[in-house]
Amino acid sequence: AMAVYRATMADAVANGIDLSSNAFMIIHGWTAGPLLLEFVAKLLGPLSKRPMTAGELAAETKAEEGPLAITLRTCCILEYLDLDSATGKYSVRRSEELDELDTYLRPTSSIAEALRSI
C-alpha cells in the first residue's frame, strides 16, 4: 500500500511553510487547476458512491496510483474529500463548495472547456 501523507491548510498555518513538512502544499498550488478538472471528470462520481482507498479508486478508474494520490491529497487539503486514517479510504465531503466545483468544472461546462484550452 502507498504511504499516505497528511497535509492540510491548518497544518501550514500552525507550522508555516516548511519544505520538510508541507512541501506538497506548494506543489498542489501550482497544479490545482488541472487536478481539479480531473477530479470532477473522473473521480468525483466513483467516490460519491462509496469511500475508497487510492488503490481501489485507481483500479476502478484505470488511473495510476501515484498521480491519483496527489490529486486525492489536494482534494483533502481543499476540503472536498476526507481521509479516514484508520482505513486509508477517501470519502466525499458534501458541501456547497463541492457542488459549485462540480457545476463549474464538469466536462460539459464552458468554464472547464476554457480552462482545458489554456
N, C-alpha and C. Protein backbone atom coordinates (compact mmCIF):
# COMPACT_ATOMS: atom_id res chain seq x y z
N ALA A 1 0.84 -1.19 0.00
CA ALA A 1 0.00 0.00 0.00
C ALA A 1 0.88 1.24 0.00
N MET A 2 0.39 2.26 -0.67
CA MET A 2 1.12 3.51 -0.78
C MET A 2 1.01 4.29 0.54
N ALA A 3 2.10 4.92 0.96
CA ALA A 3 2.08 5.74 2.16
C ALA A 3 1.18 6.95 1.93
N VAL A 4 0.45 7.34 2.96
CA VAL A 4 -0.44 8.50 2.88
C VAL A 4 0.13 9.56 3.79
N TYR A 5 0.42 10.72 3.22
CA TYR A 5 0.96 11.83 3.98
C TYR A 5 -0.15 12.83 4.24
N ARG A 6 -0.19 13.35 5.44
CA ARG A 6 -1.22 14.30 5.82
C ARG A 6 -0.67 15.71 5.68
N ALA A 7 -1.41 16.56 4.98
CA ALA A 7 -1.06 17.98 4.86
C ALA A 7 -2.36 18.73 4.68
N THR A 8 -2.60 19.69 5.54
CA THR A 8 -3.81 20.48 5.45
C THR A 8 -3.46 21.95 5.55
N MET A 9 -4.42 22.80 5.23
CA MET A 9 -4.20 24.23 5.40
C MET A 9 -3.93 24.55 6.87
N ALA A 10 -4.63 23.87 7.77
CA ALA A 10 -4.42 24.10 9.21
C ALA A 10 -2.99 23.75 9.61
N ASP A 11 -2.41 22.68 9.02
CA ASP A 11 -1.02 22.33 9.30
C ASP A 11 -0.08 23.45 8.86
N ALA A 12 -0.34 24.02 7.70
CA ALA A 12 0.52 25.09 7.19
C ALA A 12 0.41 26.34 8.05
N VAL A 13 -0.78 26.66 8.50
CA VAL A 13 -0.96 27.83 9.35
C VAL A 13 -0.23 27.62 10.67
N ALA A 14 -0.37 26.43 11.23
CA ALA A 14 0.26 26.14 12.52
C ALA A 14 1.78 26.06 12.41
N ASN A 15 2.26 25.48 11.29
CA ASN A 15 3.70 25.21 11.16
C ASN A 15 4.43 26.17 10.23
N GLY A 16 3.72 26.98 9.48
CA GLY A 16 4.36 27.82 8.48
C GLY A 16 4.79 26.97 7.29
N ILE A 17 5.35 27.60 6.28
CA ILE A 17 5.82 26.86 5.11
C ILE A 17 7.18 26.26 5.46
N ASP A 18 7.21 24.97 5.55
CA ASP A 18 8.42 24.23 5.89
C ASP A 18 8.51 23.09 4.89
N LEU A 19 9.50 23.14 4.01
CA LEU A 19 9.59 22.16 2.94
C LEU A 19 9.72 20.73 3.45
N SER A 20 10.15 20.55 4.68
CA SER A 20 10.26 19.19 5.21
C SER A 20 8.91 18.65 5.68
N SER A 21 7.94 19.53 5.95
CA SER A 21 6.67 19.03 6.47
C SER A 21 5.47 19.30 5.57
N ASN A 22 5.53 20.32 4.71
CA ASN A 22 4.35 20.60 3.89
C ASN A 22 4.69 21.08 2.48
N ALA A 23 5.74 20.52 1.89
CA ALA A 23 6.13 20.89 0.54
C ALA A 23 5.04 20.55 -0.47
N PHE A 24 4.27 19.48 -0.20
CA PHE A 24 3.21 19.10 -1.14
C PHE A 24 2.20 20.22 -1.32
N MET A 25 1.99 21.04 -0.29
CA MET A 25 1.03 22.13 -0.43
C MET A 25 1.50 23.13 -1.48
N ILE A 26 2.79 23.37 -1.58
CA ILE A 26 3.32 24.27 -2.60
C ILE A 26 3.11 23.66 -3.98
N ILE A 27 3.41 22.40 -4.11
CA ILE A 27 3.21 21.71 -5.38
C ILE A 27 1.75 21.76 -5.77
N HIS A 28 0.86 21.50 -4.82
CA HIS A 28 -0.57 21.49 -5.11
C HIS A 28 -1.02 22.85 -5.64
N GLY A 29 -0.47 23.93 -5.10
CA GLY A 29 -0.87 25.26 -5.55
C GLY A 29 -0.60 25.48 -7.03
N TRP A 30 0.47 24.91 -7.54
CA TRP A 30 0.82 25.08 -8.95
C TRP A 30 0.00 24.19 -9.88
N THR A 31 -0.53 23.12 -9.35
CA THR A 31 -1.20 22.14 -10.21
C THR A 31 -2.68 21.96 -9.89
N ALA A 32 -3.23 22.79 -9.02
CA ALA A 32 -4.60 22.58 -8.57
C ALA A 32 -5.61 22.61 -9.70
N GLY A 33 -5.48 23.52 -10.66
CA GLY A 33 -6.46 23.61 -11.75
C GLY A 33 -6.62 22.32 -12.52
N PRO A 34 -5.55 21.80 -13.12
CA PRO A 34 -5.67 20.54 -13.85
C PRO A 34 -6.11 19.37 -12.97
N LEU A 35 -5.64 19.33 -11.73
CA LEU A 35 -6.03 18.25 -10.84
C LEU A 35 -7.52 18.29 -10.54
N LEU A 36 -8.05 19.49 -10.32
CA LEU A 36 -9.48 19.61 -10.01
C LEU A 36 -10.34 19.28 -11.22
N LEU A 37 -9.88 19.64 -12.41
CA LEU A 37 -10.62 19.24 -13.62
C LEU A 37 -10.72 17.72 -13.71
N GLU A 38 -9.61 17.03 -13.46
CA GLU A 38 -9.60 15.56 -13.50
C GLU A 38 -10.44 14.98 -12.36
N PHE A 39 -10.35 15.59 -11.19
CA PHE A 39 -11.13 15.12 -10.04
C PHE A 39 -12.62 15.12 -10.37
N VAL A 40 -13.11 16.23 -10.90
CA VAL A 40 -14.54 16.32 -11.21
C VAL A 40 -14.90 15.37 -12.34
N ALA A 41 -14.07 15.31 -13.37
CA ALA A 41 -14.39 14.50 -14.55
C ALA A 41 -14.35 13.00 -14.28
N LYS A 42 -13.40 12.53 -13.46
CA LYS A 42 -13.18 11.09 -13.36
C LYS A 42 -13.29 10.47 -11.97
N LEU A 43 -13.14 11.28 -10.93
CA LEU A 43 -13.04 10.70 -9.59
C LEU A 43 -14.24 10.98 -8.70
N LEU A 44 -14.87 12.12 -8.88
CA LEU A 44 -15.97 12.51 -8.01
C LEU A 44 -17.13 11.51 -8.08
N GLY A 45 -17.46 11.05 -9.27
CA GLY A 45 -18.56 10.09 -9.42
C GLY A 45 -18.33 8.81 -8.64
N PRO A 46 -17.21 8.11 -8.89
CA PRO A 46 -16.97 6.87 -8.13
C PRO A 46 -16.89 7.09 -6.62
N LEU A 47 -16.24 8.18 -6.18
CA LEU A 47 -16.13 8.43 -4.75
C LEU A 47 -17.47 8.85 -4.14
N SER A 48 -18.38 9.36 -4.94
CA SER A 48 -19.71 9.72 -4.44
C SER A 48 -20.52 8.47 -4.12
N LYS A 49 -20.15 7.34 -4.72
CA LYS A 49 -20.87 6.09 -4.49
C LYS A 49 -20.44 5.41 -3.20
N ARG A 50 -19.12 5.47 -2.90
CA ARG A 50 -18.61 4.81 -1.69
C ARG A 50 -17.18 5.28 -1.42
N PRO A 51 -16.76 5.27 -0.15
CA PRO A 51 -15.37 5.58 0.18
C PRO A 51 -14.44 4.52 -0.41
N MET A 52 -13.25 4.95 -0.84
CA MET A 52 -12.28 4.03 -1.43
C MET A 52 -10.86 4.44 -1.06
N THR A 53 -9.97 3.47 -1.07
CA THR A 53 -8.54 3.77 -0.95
C THR A 53 -8.05 4.26 -2.31
N ALA A 54 -6.87 4.83 -2.33
CA ALA A 54 -6.28 5.26 -3.60
C ALA A 54 -6.14 4.07 -4.55
N GLY A 55 -5.75 2.92 -4.02
CA GLY A 55 -5.60 1.73 -4.85
C GLY A 55 -6.91 1.26 -5.45
N GLU A 56 -7.96 1.25 -4.64
CA GLU A 56 -9.28 0.85 -5.13
C GLU A 56 -9.77 1.81 -6.22
N LEU A 57 -9.59 3.10 -5.97
CA LEU A 57 -10.03 4.10 -6.95
C LEU A 57 -9.20 4.00 -8.23
N ALA A 58 -7.90 3.76 -8.09
CA ALA A 58 -7.04 3.60 -9.27
C ALA A 58 -7.50 2.42 -10.11
N ALA A 59 -7.82 1.32 -9.46
CA ALA A 59 -8.28 0.14 -10.19
C ALA A 59 -9.61 0.40 -10.89
N GLU A 60 -10.51 1.09 -10.21
CA GLU A 60 -11.83 1.36 -10.80
C GLU A 60 -11.76 2.35 -11.96
N THR A 61 -10.88 3.34 -11.87
CA THR A 61 -10.83 4.39 -12.89
C THR A 61 -9.70 4.19 -13.90
N LYS A 62 -8.89 3.15 -13.71
CA LYS A 62 -7.73 2.89 -14.58
C LYS A 62 -6.69 4.01 -14.51
N ALA A 63 -6.60 4.66 -13.36
CA ALA A 63 -5.63 5.74 -13.14
C ALA A 63 -4.37 5.16 -12.50
N GLU A 64 -3.25 5.85 -12.66
CA GLU A 64 -2.02 5.46 -11.97
C GLU A 64 -2.11 5.92 -10.53
N GLU A 65 -1.76 5.04 -9.61
CA GLU A 65 -1.97 5.32 -8.18
C GLU A 65 -1.16 6.52 -7.67
N GLY A 66 0.07 6.70 -8.14
CA GLY A 66 0.89 7.82 -7.64
C GLY A 66 0.28 9.18 -7.94
N PRO A 67 0.04 9.52 -9.21
CA PRO A 67 -0.61 10.80 -9.52
C PRO A 67 -2.00 10.91 -8.90
N LEU A 68 -2.71 9.80 -8.83
CA LEU A 68 -4.04 9.82 -8.22
C LEU A 68 -3.94 10.21 -6.75
N ALA A 69 -2.95 9.68 -6.04
CA ALA A 69 -2.78 10.01 -4.62
C ALA A 69 -2.53 11.50 -4.44
N ILE A 70 -1.79 12.11 -5.34
CA ILE A 70 -1.55 13.56 -5.27
C ILE A 70 -2.87 14.32 -5.43
N THR A 71 -3.68 13.89 -6.37
CA THR A 71 -4.98 14.52 -6.58
C THR A 71 -5.86 14.37 -5.34
N LEU A 72 -5.87 13.19 -4.76
CA LEU A 72 -6.69 12.96 -3.57
C LEU A 72 -6.21 13.80 -2.39
N ARG A 73 -4.90 13.91 -2.21
CA ARG A 73 -4.38 14.75 -1.12
C ARG A 73 -4.74 16.21 -1.35
N THR A 74 -4.67 16.66 -2.60
CA THR A 74 -5.05 18.04 -2.92
C THR A 74 -6.50 18.28 -2.53
N CYS A 75 -7.36 17.34 -2.88
CA CYS A 75 -8.79 17.50 -2.57
C CYS A 75 -9.07 17.44 -1.07
N CYS A 76 -8.24 16.73 -0.31
CA CYS A 76 -8.36 16.75 1.14
C CYS A 76 -7.94 18.11 1.69
N ILE A 77 -6.85 18.65 1.17
CA ILE A 77 -6.39 19.97 1.61
C ILE A 77 -7.46 21.01 1.35
N LEU A 78 -8.10 20.91 0.20
CA LEU A 78 -9.14 21.87 -0.18
C LEU A 78 -10.50 21.56 0.45
N GLU A 79 -10.54 20.49 1.24
CA GLU A 79 -11.72 20.06 1.99
C GLU A 79 -12.88 19.61 1.10
N TYR A 80 -12.55 19.01 -0.05
CA TYR A 80 -13.56 18.36 -0.89
C TYR A 80 -13.68 16.88 -0.53
N LEU A 81 -12.63 16.33 0.06
CA LEU A 81 -12.60 14.93 0.47
C LEU A 81 -12.14 14.83 1.92
N ASP A 82 -12.49 13.73 2.55
CA ASP A 82 -11.97 13.38 3.86
C ASP A 82 -11.19 12.08 3.73
N LEU A 83 -10.17 11.91 4.53
CA LEU A 83 -9.39 10.68 4.58
C LEU A 83 -9.56 10.04 5.94
N ASP A 84 -10.02 8.81 5.96
CA ASP A 84 -10.11 8.05 7.19
C ASP A 84 -8.74 7.41 7.41
N SER A 85 -7.99 7.92 8.37
CA SER A 85 -6.62 7.44 8.57
C SER A 85 -6.57 5.98 9.02
N ALA A 86 -7.62 5.50 9.63
CA ALA A 86 -7.65 4.10 10.08
C ALA A 86 -7.78 3.12 8.90
N THR A 87 -8.55 3.51 7.87
CA THR A 87 -8.79 2.60 6.75
C THR A 87 -8.05 3.02 5.48
N GLY A 88 -7.57 4.27 5.44
CA GLY A 88 -6.94 4.78 4.23
C GLY A 88 -7.94 5.10 3.13
N LYS A 89 -9.23 5.18 3.49
CA LYS A 89 -10.26 5.42 2.48
C LYS A 89 -10.62 6.90 2.41
N TYR A 90 -10.78 7.36 1.18
CA TYR A 90 -11.20 8.72 0.90
C TYR A 90 -12.71 8.74 0.69
N SER A 91 -13.36 9.78 1.21
CA SER A 91 -14.80 9.92 1.03
C SER A 91 -15.10 11.38 0.68
N VAL A 92 -16.19 11.56 -0.02
CA VAL A 92 -16.62 12.90 -0.44
C VAL A 92 -17.14 13.66 0.77
N ARG A 93 -16.70 14.90 0.90
CA ARG A 93 -17.21 15.80 1.94
C ARG A 93 -18.25 16.69 1.27
N ARG A 94 -19.51 16.39 1.48
CA ARG A 94 -20.59 17.14 0.84
C ARG A 94 -20.61 18.58 1.35
N SER A 95 -20.67 19.53 0.41
CA SER A 95 -20.71 20.94 0.78
C SER A 95 -21.19 21.75 -0.41
N GLU A 96 -21.57 22.97 -0.14
CA GLU A 96 -21.96 23.90 -1.21
C GLU A 96 -20.77 24.14 -2.14
N GLU A 97 -19.57 24.22 -1.57
CA GLU A 97 -18.36 24.45 -2.38
C GLU A 97 -18.11 23.29 -3.35
N LEU A 98 -18.32 22.06 -2.88
CA LEU A 98 -18.13 20.92 -3.77
C LEU A 98 -19.18 20.92 -4.87
N ASP A 99 -20.41 21.27 -4.53
CA ASP A 99 -21.45 21.36 -5.55
C ASP A 99 -21.09 22.40 -6.61
N GLU A 100 -20.55 23.54 -6.17
CA GLU A 100 -20.13 24.58 -7.12
C GLU A 100 -18.97 24.10 -7.98
N LEU A 101 -18.01 23.42 -7.37
CA LEU A 101 -16.88 22.88 -8.12
C LEU A 101 -17.38 21.94 -9.21
N ASP A 102 -18.30 21.07 -8.85
CA ASP A 102 -18.87 20.13 -9.82
C ASP A 102 -19.60 20.88 -10.93
N THR A 103 -20.37 21.88 -10.59
CA THR A 103 -21.12 22.65 -11.59
C THR A 103 -20.18 23.34 -12.57
N TYR A 104 -19.14 24.00 -12.04
CA TYR A 104 -18.27 24.81 -12.89
C TYR A 104 -17.20 24.02 -13.63
N LEU A 105 -16.79 22.87 -13.08
CA LEU A 105 -15.69 22.14 -13.70
C LEU A 105 -16.12 20.82 -14.34
N ARG A 106 -17.40 20.51 -14.35
CA ARG A 106 -17.82 19.27 -15.04
C ARG A 106 -17.43 19.38 -16.51
N PRO A 107 -17.13 18.26 -17.14
CA PRO A 107 -16.59 18.28 -18.51
C PRO A 107 -17.45 19.04 -19.52
N THR A 108 -18.74 19.15 -19.30
CA THR A 108 -19.62 19.83 -20.26
C THR A 108 -19.73 21.33 -20.02
N SER A 109 -19.10 21.85 -18.97
CA SER A 109 -19.23 23.28 -18.67
C SER A 109 -18.30 24.11 -19.56
N SER A 110 -18.74 25.31 -19.86
CA SER A 110 -17.92 26.22 -20.67
C SER A 110 -16.65 26.63 -19.93
N ILE A 111 -16.71 26.70 -18.61
CA ILE A 111 -15.53 27.07 -17.82
C ILE A 111 -14.47 25.98 -17.91
N ALA A 112 -14.87 24.73 -17.77
CA ALA A 112 -13.93 23.62 -17.89
C ALA A 112 -13.32 23.59 -19.28
N GLU A 113 -14.14 23.81 -20.27
CA GLU A 113 -13.64 23.83 -21.66
C GLU A 113 -12.61 24.94 -21.84
N ALA A 114 -12.89 26.12 -21.29
CA ALA A 114 -11.95 27.24 -21.41
C ALA A 114 -10.64 26.93 -20.68
N LEU A 115 -10.73 26.35 -19.49
CA LEU A 115 -9.50 26.02 -18.74
C LEU A 115 -8.67 24.96 -19.45
N ARG A 116 -9.32 23.99 -20.05
CA ARG A 116 -8.58 22.94 -20.76
C ARG A 116 -7.89 23.50 -22.00
N SER A 117 -8.38 24.60 -22.54
CA SER A 117 -7.79 25.17 -23.75
C SER A 117 -6.53 25.99 -23.46
N ILE A 118 -6.26 26.27 -22.21
CA ILE A 118 -5.09 27.10 -21.86
C ILE A 118 -3.81 26.28 -21.96
